Amino acid sequence: MERKTCQWFGLCGVTHLNSSKWINKQHRKEGLHRVQEALEGAKDKMLDFSDFWTSGKARPEDWSADERRLREIPQYVLDHAPLVHLFSGEQFWPCDIADHLIHTTPHLNYTPLQASSDHPNLTNLDDLNQWGRFVYLQSDDNVEERPGWLGGENNVPTKPGGRDDDDDDDAEEVGWADWDGRIDGELPDDLADGRKPWYEAGIGDTKDKGGIRPNPTMPSQATPTDTTEGEEYIDEDDCAEDEADVSVHLRRRSLTWATGKRGTTPGGRSEAPAVLIVVDKGNGVVDAFWFYFYSYNLGNVVLNVRFGNHVGDWEHSVVRFHNGKPKAVFFSEHNFGEAYAYEAVEKIGKRPVGYIAIGTHAMYATPGTHAYILPWGLLHDVTDRGPLWDPLLNAHSYTYDYAADKLRASALTPQAPTNWFYYKGHWGDKFYPLSDPRQYRFAGQYHYVNGPLGPRHKNLGRKRICQGNGECRIKTFVDVPGGRARRWVGRGAGELEEEEGTETEGEV
């Protein structure tokens, strides 16, 4: 019966389902599940991970002039650093990878490689490469019980507000203005000929890192840019837009605090650091990759069933520059993403603004509901003007020579470790087998999927700004779904109380 149900209806693992092992809405209401508190506890008792992030071996005093030049972050990269709105009802906030390592144990597939008390760190994580690419950082806790460290609650970005002269935390909160979807200025490179100098640059990355060039040594299996999480079923025709019908006029969004007026505090700092990786593609083209990490990805719901949960979640945005001027912006969305002309996206001052979806942390250029296709159903991501995160306020920065596969800590954060970057394995659990009571499969999609690979495998040497190696369409407009989105008035309940769902490869 199990086999027929799986073959005919795509509903597999039914006989293994054990609802007593699930954590559902009723359990949460009645307090029947155990929730492990985050190690850091209250903000005033948070663990200090600064030593983890200053454990690199670089000695700036020994750098030659040429070496120092290779480690410089151009000022224009910082001037145009992105700002991102997290969802107001988010339950899984940004996290620190140093903290993530404390709560996970390396496994070769399902076999532990060391004691759960023996955690790797940022300077020796790449030692796990001796076991190959099928290493997984498996959670030490049952993720169904939602241990506190998964949520990163202490990492919610600080709020903007008026000046708090007595430090009693009673400063007046300041909201964020709405934006009408129109752009600021003309599109100087709207024609194909105008984009030629920067649209395609460099020689591309190698296959083992998500690119198209042959690997420099004996071949290892290529890193897929489309995983089995379900997002490869997107119908791009359904997402196509008629650019000719969209206005390309004036106006940028402005905020009081962005102008630097006295008496206000900007807010936006998260205790979870972002990672900036600057890649020089030659001929004046520079890509600035901003990576954002979360310890948990809560998948979306189809037919009241949740798919695509996984431990560990890397997302990123990219700003491409040519001769110091921003030309395009890319936002990662699951295993794909969208690129826009810099002039087209919402900005605060010079800085492009993105929106991070609840649970999945997919990135979009606008607030609202964003649909993408899955067999047998329709998936939606939802974004809004929740807490504004300024990655520039807490970031570890690097430069990367993708041709030589050489990562360098920048002159801004010279002691930042680099070994973690070369880890070839997954940043979360391997998908749970159907014999696991937490797992099920429906229409070929799983409740729990593999954790993702790290930034090195995100095609940093890409010729075009899009992550994949195929066509890269750079939009000259953004849609504003349903008009203006609601403003953030505080952290909401989010989706955590809904039922859970599916598995496969994590985000790209």
Protein backbone atom coordinates (compact mmCIF):
# COMPACT_ATOMS: atom_id res chain seq x y z
CA MET A 1 0.00 0.00 0.00
CA GLU A 2 2.84 2.37 0.87
CA ARG A 3 4.51 1.71 -2.47
CA LYS A 4 1.31 2.28 -4.46
CA THR A 5 0.50 5.49 -2.59
CA CYS A 6 3.99 6.76 -3.32
CA GLN A 7 3.88 5.78 -7.01
CA TRP A 8 0.33 6.93 -7.76
CA PHE A 9 -0.02 10.04 -5.63
CA GLY A 10 3.56 11.04 -4.83
CA LEU A 11 2.80 10.82 -1.11
CA CYS A 12 5.71 8.88 0.35
CA GLY A 13 6.73 7.93 3.87
CA VAL A 14 3.15 7.83 5.17
CA THR A 15 3.59 4.62 7.15
CA HIS A 16 6.59 6.12 8.92
CA LEU A 17 4.85 9.31 9.98
CA ASN A 18 4.66 9.63 13.74
CA SER A 19 2.75 12.75 14.69
CA SER A 20 3.79 12.37 18.32
CA LYS A 21 7.25 13.51 17.22
CA TRP A 22 5.95 16.63 15.52
CA ILE A 23 5.81 20.05 17.12
CA ASN A 24 2.59 21.74 16.08
CA LYS A 25 0.48 24.74 16.95
CA GLN A 26 -1.34 22.97 19.79
CA HIS A 27 1.92 21.84 21.36
CA ARG A 28 3.20 25.40 21.34
CA LYS A 29 0.03 26.74 22.92
CA GLU A 30 0.10 24.16 25.69
CA GLY A 31 3.85 24.35 26.21
CA LEU A 32 4.25 20.62 25.63
CA HIS A 33 7.48 20.85 23.69
CA ARG A 34 10.93 21.55 25.00
CA VAL A 35 12.59 24.69 23.67
CA GLN A 36 16.29 25.06 24.29
CA GLU A 37 17.24 28.61 25.11
CA ALA A 38 19.84 30.28 22.92
CA LEU A 39 23.35 30.06 24.35
CA GLU A 40 23.67 33.81 24.42
CA GLY A 41 20.51 34.30 26.48
CA ALA A 42 19.57 37.89 27.18
CA LYS A 43 21.32 40.62 25.27
CA ASP A 44 23.34 41.66 28.32
CA LYS A 45 24.57 38.06 28.65
CA MET A 46 25.31 37.37 25.00
CA LEU A 47 28.40 35.40 24.12
CA ASP A 48 31.13 37.50 22.54
CA PHE A 49 32.07 36.04 19.17
CA SER A 50 34.54 38.82 18.35
CA ASP A 51 37.49 36.53 19.09
CA PHE A 52 36.19 34.05 16.53
CA TRP A 53 36.21 36.78 13.90
CA THR A 54 39.70 38.10 14.75
CA SER A 55 41.44 34.73 14.63
CA GLY A 56 42.99 35.21 11.21
CA LYS A 57 46.74 35.01 10.73
CA ALA A 58 47.24 38.08 8.54
CA ARG A 59 49.91 40.58 9.64
CA PRO A 60 49.11 43.98 8.09
CA GLU A 61 52.49 45.34 9.15
CA ASP A 62 54.14 42.83 6.80
CA TRP A 63 52.04 43.68 3.76
CA SER A 64 53.81 45.12 0.76
CA ALA A 65 52.26 48.00 -1.15
CA ASP A 66 50.99 45.55 -3.77
CA GLU A 67 49.52 43.24 -1.14
CA ARG A 68 47.78 46.13 0.58
CA ARG A 69 46.30 47.20 -2.74
CA LEU A 70 44.88 43.70 -3.24
CA ARG A 71 43.14 43.96 0.14
CA GLU A 72 41.56 47.38 -0.28
CA ILE A 73 37.79 47.77 -0.36
CA PRO A 74 36.94 50.67 -2.69
CA GLN A 75 35.02 53.48 -1.02
CA TYR A 76 32.37 53.33 -3.73
CA VAL A 77 31.51 49.77 -2.62
CA LEU A 78 30.76 51.05 0.88
CA ASP A 79 28.90 54.10 -0.39
CA HIS A 80 26.52 51.86 -2.35
CA ALA A 81 26.17 49.03 0.18
CA PRO A 82 22.65 47.56 0.14
CA LEU A 83 20.06 47.99 2.88
CA VAL A 84 17.50 45.23 3.42
CA HIS A 85 14.11 45.00 5.11
CA LEU A 86 13.51 41.80 7.06
CA PHE A 87 9.90 40.65 7.42
CA SER A 88 8.06 42.13 10.39
CA GLY A 89 6.77 38.72 11.50
CA GLU A 90 10.02 36.83 10.94
CA GLN A 91 10.85 34.02 13.36
CA PHE A 92 14.27 33.07 11.98
CA TRP A 93 16.47 36.16 12.04
CA PRO A 94 20.05 36.63 10.81
CA CYS A 95 22.65 34.53 12.62
CA ASP A 96 26.40 34.43 13.18
CA ILE A 97 28.16 31.48 11.55
CA ALA A 98 30.50 31.33 14.56
CA ASP A 99 27.46 30.67 16.77
CA HIS A 100 26.06 28.21 14.23
CA LEU A 101 29.20 26.06 14.49
CA ILE A 102 28.78 25.77 18.26
CA HIS A 103 25.39 24.12 17.81
CA THR A 104 26.25 21.70 15.01
CA THR A 105 28.38 18.57 14.61
CA PRO A 106 30.03 17.52 11.33
CA HIS A 107 28.60 14.35 9.78
CA LEU A 108 29.69 12.37 6.75
CA ASN A 109 26.20 11.90 5.37
CA TYR A 110 24.52 10.52 8.52
CA THR A 111 27.67 9.40 10.38
CA PRO A 112 29.19 11.77 12.96
CA LEU A 113 32.84 12.63 12.33
CA GLN A 114 33.62 13.82 15.85
CA ALA A 115 32.08 14.19 19.28
CA SER A 116 29.19 16.62 19.57
CA SER A 117 31.24 18.56 22.13
CA ASP A 118 34.12 18.98 19.66
CA HIS A 119 32.97 21.78 17.40
CA PRO A 120 34.92 23.16 14.44
CA ASN A 121 35.60 26.89 14.32
CA LEU A 122 36.20 29.54 11.68
CA THR A 123 39.93 28.77 11.44
CA ASN A 124 39.77 24.99 11.09
CA LEU A 125 36.42 24.33 9.39
CA ASP A 126 38.19 23.54 6.13
CA ASP A 127 39.92 20.57 7.81
CA LEU A 128 36.66 18.74 7.15
CA ASN A 129 37.47 18.77 3.43
CA GLN A 130 39.54 15.62 3.97
CA TRP A 131 36.20 13.80 4.08
CA GLY A 132 35.07 15.17 0.73
CA ARG A 133 32.00 17.18 -0.19
CA PHE A 134 29.36 15.03 1.54
CA VAL A 135 29.98 16.59 4.94
CA TYR A 136 26.99 18.14 6.72
CA LEU A 137 26.89 20.39 9.78
CA GLN A 138 24.05 18.60 11.56
CA SER A 139 22.10 20.33 14.31
CA ASP A 140 22.81 19.01 17.80
CA ASP A 141 19.14 19.64 18.64
CA ASN A 142 15.91 18.38 17.16
CA VAL A 143 14.98 21.31 14.94
CA GLU A 144 11.28 20.45 15.31
CA GLU A 145 11.61 21.68 18.89
CA ARG A 146 12.81 25.06 17.61
CA PRO A 147 15.88 25.51 19.83
CA GLY A 148 16.49 29.17 20.53
CA TRP A 149 19.75 29.44 18.58
CA LEU A 150 17.92 28.69 15.31
CA GLY A 151 15.85 31.86 15.61
CA GLY A 152 18.59 34.43 16.19
CA GLU A 153 16.17 36.58 18.17
CA ASN A 154 19.00 38.64 19.65
CA ASN A 155 20.05 39.63 16.14
CA VAL A 156 16.96 41.65 15.20
CA PRO A 157 18.30 44.94 13.79
CA THR A 158 18.07 47.95 16.06
CA LYS A 159 15.28 50.44 15.39
CA PRO A 160 15.78 54.00 14.19
CA GLY A 161 14.80 56.70 16.64
CA GLY A 162 15.35 60.11 18.08
CA ARG A 163 18.37 60.91 20.20
CA ASP A 164 18.45 59.10 23.54
CA ASP A 165 20.55 61.44 25.65
CA ASP A 166 20.25 59.53 28.93
CA ASP A 167 20.72 56.01 27.48
CA ASP A 168 17.51 54.77 29.11
CA ASP A 169 16.26 53.28 25.84
CA ASP A 170 13.30 55.66 25.61
CA ALA A 171 14.20 57.35 22.33
CA GLU A 172 11.28 58.05 20.01
CA GLU A 173 10.93 55.52 17.22
CA VAL A 174 11.04 56.78 13.65
CA GLY A 175 9.29 54.97 10.80
CA TRP A 176 10.49 54.34 7.27
CA ALA A 177 8.94 56.22 4.39
CA ASP A 178 7.03 54.54 1.57
CA TRP A 179 8.38 54.37 -1.97
CA ASP A 180 6.22 54.59 -5.07
CA GLY A 181 8.21 52.25 -7.33
CA ARG A 182 9.53 54.90 -9.68
CA ILE A 183 13.22 55.28 -10.37
CA ASP A 184 15.60 58.16 -9.89
CA GLY A 185 16.84 59.48 -13.19
CA GLU A 186 17.42 58.21 -16.70
CA LEU A 187 18.80 54.80 -17.63
CA PRO A 188 22.08 55.74 -19.34
CA ASP A 189 22.94 52.17 -20.27
CA ASP A 190 19.46 51.01 -21.24
CA LEU A 191 20.61 50.06 -24.72
CA ALA A 192 22.52 46.83 -25.21
CA ASP A 193 25.54 48.65 -26.64
CA GLY A 194 25.79 50.75 -23.50
CA ARG A 195 26.03 47.64 -21.34
CA LYS A 196 28.76 45.92 -23.33
CA PRO A 197 31.70 47.11 -21.19
CA TRP A 198 30.28 45.60 -18.00
CA TYR A 199 27.42 43.18 -18.83
CA GLU A 200 29.87 40.30 -19.22
CA ALA A 201 33.26 40.39 -17.52
CA GLY A 202 36.09 38.09 -16.52
CA ILE A 203 36.64 34.46 -17.45
CA GLY A 204 33.93 32.84 -15.33
CA ASP A 205 34.27 30.51 -12.36
CA THR A 206 35.05 26.81 -12.34
CA LYS A 207 32.40 24.09 -12.32
CA ASP A 208 33.14 22.99 -8.76
CA LYS A 209 32.25 26.51 -7.59
CA GLY A 210 29.06 26.86 -9.64
CA GLY A 211 30.63 28.24 -12.82
CA ILE A 212 31.26 26.89 -16.30
CA ARG A 213 35.06 26.62 -16.62
CA PRO A 214 36.73 23.20 -16.24
CA ASN A 215 38.12 22.52 -12.78
CA PRO A 216 41.87 23.19 -12.42
CA THR A 217 42.55 19.64 -11.17
CA MET A 218 40.96 16.25 -11.77
CA PRO A 219 37.21 16.74 -11.99
CA SER A 220 34.99 16.62 -8.97
CA GLN A 221 31.24 16.70 -9.38
CA ALA A 222 29.99 20.13 -10.34
CA THR A 223 28.07 22.17 -7.81
CA PRO A 224 24.50 22.43 -9.12
CA THR A 225 23.10 25.89 -9.62
CA ASP A 226 19.62 24.34 -9.68
CA THR A 227 19.03 21.96 -6.80
CA THR A 228 16.19 19.58 -6.13
CA GLU A 229 14.41 21.93 -3.76
CA GLY A 230 11.68 22.54 -6.29
CA GLU A 231 12.55 26.02 -7.48
CA GLU A 232 13.92 24.68 -10.77
CA TYR A 233 10.32 24.22 -11.90
CA ILE A 234 9.83 27.94 -12.35
CA ASP A 235 8.05 28.98 -15.49
CA GLU A 236 9.99 32.07 -16.50
CA ASP A 237 7.34 33.04 -19.05
CA ASP A 238 4.87 33.52 -16.20
CA CYS A 239 7.29 35.97 -14.61
CA ALA A 240 8.01 37.93 -17.79
CA GLU A 241 7.04 41.58 -17.83
CA ASP A 242 6.37 44.10 -20.57
CA GLU A 243 9.09 46.65 -19.97
CA ALA A 244 7.64 49.01 -22.54
CA ASP A 245 4.54 49.61 -20.41
CA VAL A 246 6.43 50.55 -17.27
CA SER A 247 7.29 54.11 -16.37
CA VAL A 248 10.98 54.82 -15.90
CA HIS A 249 10.70 58.23 -14.25
CA LEU A 250 12.21 60.14 -11.38
CA ARG A 251 12.17 59.98 -7.65
CA ARG A 252 14.03 58.17 -4.96
CA ARG A 253 12.89 57.34 -1.51
CA SER A 254 14.40 59.49 1.21
CA LEU A 255 14.59 59.21 4.96
CA THR A 256 15.37 61.82 7.58
CA TRP A 257 18.11 59.74 9.13
CA ALA A 258 19.66 59.02 5.74
CA THR A 259 20.38 62.71 5.30
CA GLY A 260 22.37 62.77 8.49
CA LYS A 261 20.21 65.28 10.33
CA ARG A 262 21.02 65.82 13.97
CA GLY A 263 18.91 64.39 16.75
CA THR A 264 18.20 60.97 15.23
CA THR A 265 19.84 57.56 15.46
CA PRO A 266 19.90 55.48 12.28
CA GLY A 267 19.43 52.00 13.73
CA GLY A 268 19.76 48.96 11.49
CA ARG A 269 22.64 47.20 13.23
CA SER A 270 22.35 43.45 13.75
CA GLU A 271 24.55 41.43 16.08
CA ALA A 272 24.79 38.91 13.23
CA PRO A 273 27.60 40.00 10.90
CA ALA A 274 27.23 40.12 7.15
CA VAL A 275 30.06 38.99 4.88
CA LEU A 276 31.30 41.28 2.11
CA ILE A 277 33.37 39.72 -0.69
CA VAL A 278 34.70 42.07 -3.38
CA VAL A 279 35.72 40.47 -6.68
CA ASP A 280 37.64 42.38 -9.35
CA LYS A 281 36.61 41.06 -12.78
CA GLY A 282 39.04 43.24 -14.73
CA ASN A 283 38.54 46.10 -17.19
CA GLY A 284 37.04 48.29 -14.48
CA VAL A 285 34.32 45.78 -13.48
CA VAL A 286 33.99 45.02 -9.77
CA ASP A 287 31.34 42.85 -8.09
CA ALA A 288 30.49 43.42 -4.42
CA PHE A 289 28.85 40.31 -2.93
CA TRP A 290 26.94 40.75 0.33
CA PHE A 291 26.19 37.46 2.08
CA TYR A 292 23.57 37.01 4.79
CA PHE A 293 23.42 33.89 6.96
CA TYR A 294 20.51 32.34 8.87
CA SER A 295 20.63 29.16 10.94
CA TYR A 296 17.24 27.97 9.67
CA ASN A 297 15.13 28.20 6.54
CA LEU A 298 11.38 27.74 7.02
CA GLY A 299 9.95 26.52 3.73
CA ASN A 300 6.72 27.67 2.13
CA VAL A 301 3.30 26.00 2.16
CA VAL A 302 1.53 24.29 -0.74
CA LEU A 303 -1.92 22.73 -0.22
CA ASN A 304 -1.47 23.30 3.51
CA VAL A 305 1.76 21.26 3.47
CA ARG A 306 5.14 22.86 4.12
CA PHE A 307 8.09 22.09 1.87
CA GLY A 308 11.77 22.96 1.88
CA ASN A 309 12.80 23.37 5.52
CA HIS A 310 16.54 23.16 6.07
CA VAL A 311 19.21 24.00 8.62
CA GLY A 312 21.60 26.73 7.48
CA ASP A 313 20.71 29.35 4.89
CA TRP A 314 22.99 31.54 2.77
CA GLU A 315 21.47 34.37 0.73
CA HIS A 316 23.21 37.17 -1.12
CA SER A 317 22.91 40.34 -3.12
CA VAL A 318 25.40 41.74 -5.60
CA VAL A 319 26.16 45.24 -6.80
CA ARG A 320 28.15 45.42 -10.04
CA PHE A 321 30.32 48.48 -10.67
CA HIS A 322 32.07 49.75 -13.77
CA ASN A 323 34.81 52.32 -13.30
CA GLY A 324 33.50 53.03 -9.81
CA LYS A 325 29.87 53.57 -10.82
CA PRO A 326 27.06 51.17 -9.85
CA LYS A 327 25.44 49.56 -12.88
CA ALA A 328 23.28 46.65 -11.71
CA VAL A 329 21.96 44.92 -8.60
CA PHE A 330 21.19 41.21 -8.16
CA PHE A 331 18.96 39.67 -5.46
CA SER A 332 19.13 35.91 -4.83
CA GLU A 333 15.79 34.10 -4.70
CA HIS A 334 15.96 30.42 -3.79
CA ASN A 335 17.99 28.79 -6.59
CA PHE A 336 17.66 31.72 -8.96
CA GLY A 337 17.24 35.47 -8.63
CA GLU A 338 16.62 38.70 -10.50
CA ALA A 339 18.88 41.48 -11.71
CA TYR A 340 17.97 45.15 -12.07
CA ALA A 341 19.56 48.27 -13.42
CA TYR A 342 20.91 50.22 -10.46
CA GLU A 343 18.77 53.20 -11.43
CA ALA A 344 15.61 51.09 -11.27
CA VAL A 345 15.73 49.83 -7.70
CA GLU A 346 14.54 51.56 -4.56
CA LYS A 347 17.28 53.44 -2.75
CA ILE A 348 18.00 55.28 0.45
CA GLY A 349 20.46 57.90 -0.65
CA LYS A 350 22.83 56.00 -2.92
CA ARG A 351 22.16 52.63 -1.32
CA PRO A 352 19.89 50.05 -3.01
CA VAL A 353 17.11 48.57 -0.87
CA GLY A 354 16.07 44.92 -0.88
CA TYR A 355 13.38 42.89 0.89
CA ILE A 356 13.85 39.54 2.62
CA ALA A 357 10.96 37.07 2.58
CA ILE A 358 9.60 35.54 5.76
CA GLY A 359 11.01 32.10 6.52
CA THR A 360 12.79 31.40 3.24
CA HIS A 361 14.84 34.64 3.30
CA ALA A 362 14.62 34.90 -0.49
CA MET A 363 15.44 38.45 -1.59
CA TYR A 364 13.27 40.74 -3.70
CA ALA A 365 13.33 44.31 -4.93
CA THR A 366 9.88 45.18 -3.54
CA PRO A 367 7.57 44.46 -0.61
CA GLY A 368 4.49 42.33 -1.23
CA THR A 369 3.60 38.80 -2.35
CA HIS A 370 5.87 37.05 -4.84
CA ALA A 371 4.66 33.87 -6.54
CA TYR A 372 6.79 31.13 -8.01
CA ILE A 373 5.69 27.81 -9.47
CA LEU A 374 5.97 24.29 -8.04
CA PRO A 375 4.35 21.14 -9.49
CA TRP A 376 0.82 20.63 -8.19
CA GLY A 377 0.64 24.02 -6.55
CA LEU A 378 1.77 27.60 -6.21
CA LEU A 379 4.40 28.87 -3.80
CA HIS A 380 4.48 32.42 -2.49
CA ASP A 381 7.10 34.45 -0.72
CA VAL A 382 5.98 37.46 1.31
CA THR A 383 8.03 40.57 2.08
CA ASP A 384 7.24 43.80 3.89
CA ARG A 385 8.89 46.88 5.38
CA GLY A 386 9.97 45.15 8.57
CA PRO A 387 13.16 45.95 10.48
CA LEU A 388 15.69 47.66 8.26
CA TRP A 389 19.05 45.87 8.35
CA ASP A 390 22.20 47.82 7.53
CA PRO A 391 24.88 45.17 6.85
CA LEU A 392 27.56 47.85 6.68
CA LEU A 393 27.30 48.42 10.45
CA ASN A 394 28.54 44.91 11.23
CA ALA A 395 30.39 43.19 8.41
CA HIS A 396 33.55 41.19 7.82
CA SER A 397 35.04 42.10 4.47
CA TYR A 398 37.26 40.26 2.05
CA THR A 399 38.66 40.48 -1.45
CA TYR A 400 38.67 37.41 -3.65
CA ASP A 401 40.80 36.43 -6.64
CA TYR A 402 38.44 33.89 -8.16
CA ALA A 403 40.90 32.75 -10.85
CA ALA A 404 43.48 31.80 -8.20
CA ASP A 405 40.81 30.85 -5.63
CA LYS A 406 42.50 33.18 -3.13
CA LEU A 407 40.45 34.90 -0.40
CA ARG A 408 42.09 37.74 1.50
CA ALA A 409 40.90 39.51 4.63
CA SER A 410 40.49 43.16 3.66
CA ALA A 411 42.34 46.11 5.15
CA LEU A 412 39.08 47.01 6.93
CA THR A 413 38.94 43.70 8.87
CA PRO A 414 42.50 42.37 8.50
CA GLN A 415 42.18 39.73 11.24
CA ALA A 416 39.07 38.10 9.78
CA PRO A 417 39.70 34.35 9.31
CA THR A 418 39.54 32.87 5.83
CA ASN A 419 39.63 29.09 6.38
CA TRP A 420 35.85 28.77 6.85
CA PHE A 421 35.36 30.04 3.30
CA TYR A 422 37.07 26.97 1.80
CA TYR A 423 34.81 24.45 3.55
CA LYS A 424 33.33 22.30 0.75
CA GLY A 425 30.46 20.74 2.66
CA HIS A 426 26.95 21.75 3.63
CA TRP A 427 26.04 24.25 6.33
CA GLY A 428 23.16 22.17 7.69
CA ASP A 429 21.68 18.70 8.04
CA LYS A 430 21.47 16.15 5.26
CA PHE A 431 17.84 15.63 4.29
CA TYR A 432 16.12 13.29 6.70
CA PRO A 433 15.25 9.83 5.32
CA LEU A 434 11.60 8.90 4.94
CA SER A 435 12.01 6.57 7.92
CA ASP A 436 12.51 9.67 10.09
CA PRO A 437 9.18 10.71 11.69
CA ARG A 438 9.92 14.34 10.79
CA GLN A 439 10.15 13.63 7.08
CA TYR A 440 7.66 13.13 4.26
CA ARG A 441 7.53 13.59 0.50
CA PHE A 442 4.68 14.88 -1.62
CA ALA A 443 4.70 15.36 -5.40
CA GLY A 444 8.44 14.75 -5.40
CA GLN A 445 9.09 17.48 -2.82
CA TYR A 446 10.37 16.92 0.69
CA HIS A 447 9.57 18.49 4.04
CA TYR A 448 13.26 18.70 5.01
CA VAL A 449 16.00 19.24 2.45
CA ASN A 450 19.80 19.46 2.51
CA GLY A 451 21.54 22.41 4.06
CA PRO A 452 23.21 24.75 1.54
CA LEU A 453 26.78 25.10 0.38
CA GLY A 454 28.73 28.21 1.35
CA PRO A 455 29.67 31.44 -0.48
CA ARG A 456 32.61 29.91 -2.34
CA HIS A 457 30.13 27.78 -4.29
CA LYS A 458 27.89 30.67 -5.37
CA ASN A 459 29.66 31.33 -8.68
CA LEU A 460 31.62 34.36 -7.43
CA GLY A 461 33.51 34.47 -10.71
CA ARG A 462 30.29 34.74 -12.74
CA LYS A 463 30.66 36.67 -15.97
CA ARG A 464 27.22 38.23 -15.70
CA ILE A 465 25.67 39.51 -12.54
CA CYS A 466 23.06 36.73 -12.42
CA GLN A 467 24.01 33.64 -10.46
CA GLY A 468 23.30 31.08 -13.16
CA ASN A 469 25.35 30.65 -16.29
CA GLY A 470 22.53 31.15 -18.79
CA GLU A 471 20.69 34.23 -19.97
CA CYS A 472 20.78 37.19 -17.60
CA ARG A 473 18.00 39.71 -18.10
CA ILE A 474 18.58 43.01 -16.32
CA LYS A 475 15.25 44.68 -15.63
CA THR A 476 14.86 48.42 -15.99
CA PHE A 477 11.86 48.54 -13.66
CA VAL A 478 10.52 47.03 -10.47
CA ASP A 479 6.94 46.09 -9.72
CA VAL A 480 5.20 47.26 -6.58
CA PRO A 481 2.69 44.46 -5.87
CA GLY A 482 -0.67 45.83 -4.79
CA GLY A 483 0.61 49.37 -4.48
CA ARG A 484 2.11 50.51 -1.21
CA ALA A 485 3.00 47.84 1.34
CA ARG A 486 2.06 48.14 4.96
CA ARG A 487 4.61 49.64 7.30
CA TRP A 488 6.29 47.79 10.10
CA VAL A 489 4.69 48.58 13.44
CA GLY A 490 6.53 45.94 15.43
CA ARG A 491 7.45 42.29 15.26
CA GLY A 492 4.45 40.13 14.45
CA ALA A 493 3.58 36.51 15.05
CA GLY A 494 5.00 35.29 11.73
CA GLU A 495 4.43 31.84 10.27
CA LEU A 496 6.01 29.75 13.00
CA GLU A 497 2.68 28.59 14.36
CA GLU A 498 1.64 27.02 11.07
CA GLU A 499 2.22 23.41 10.17
CA GLU A 500 5.56 22.30 8.82
CA GLY A 501 6.69 20.79 5.46
CA THR A 502 9.68 19.37 2.83
CA GLU A 503 13.32 18.39 1.84
CA THR A 504 16.11 18.64 -0.71
CA GLU A 505 19.11 20.77 -1.52
CA GLY A 506 19.31 24.11 0.34
CA GLU A 507 19.36 27.60 -1.08
CA VAL A 508 21.90 28.67 -3.61
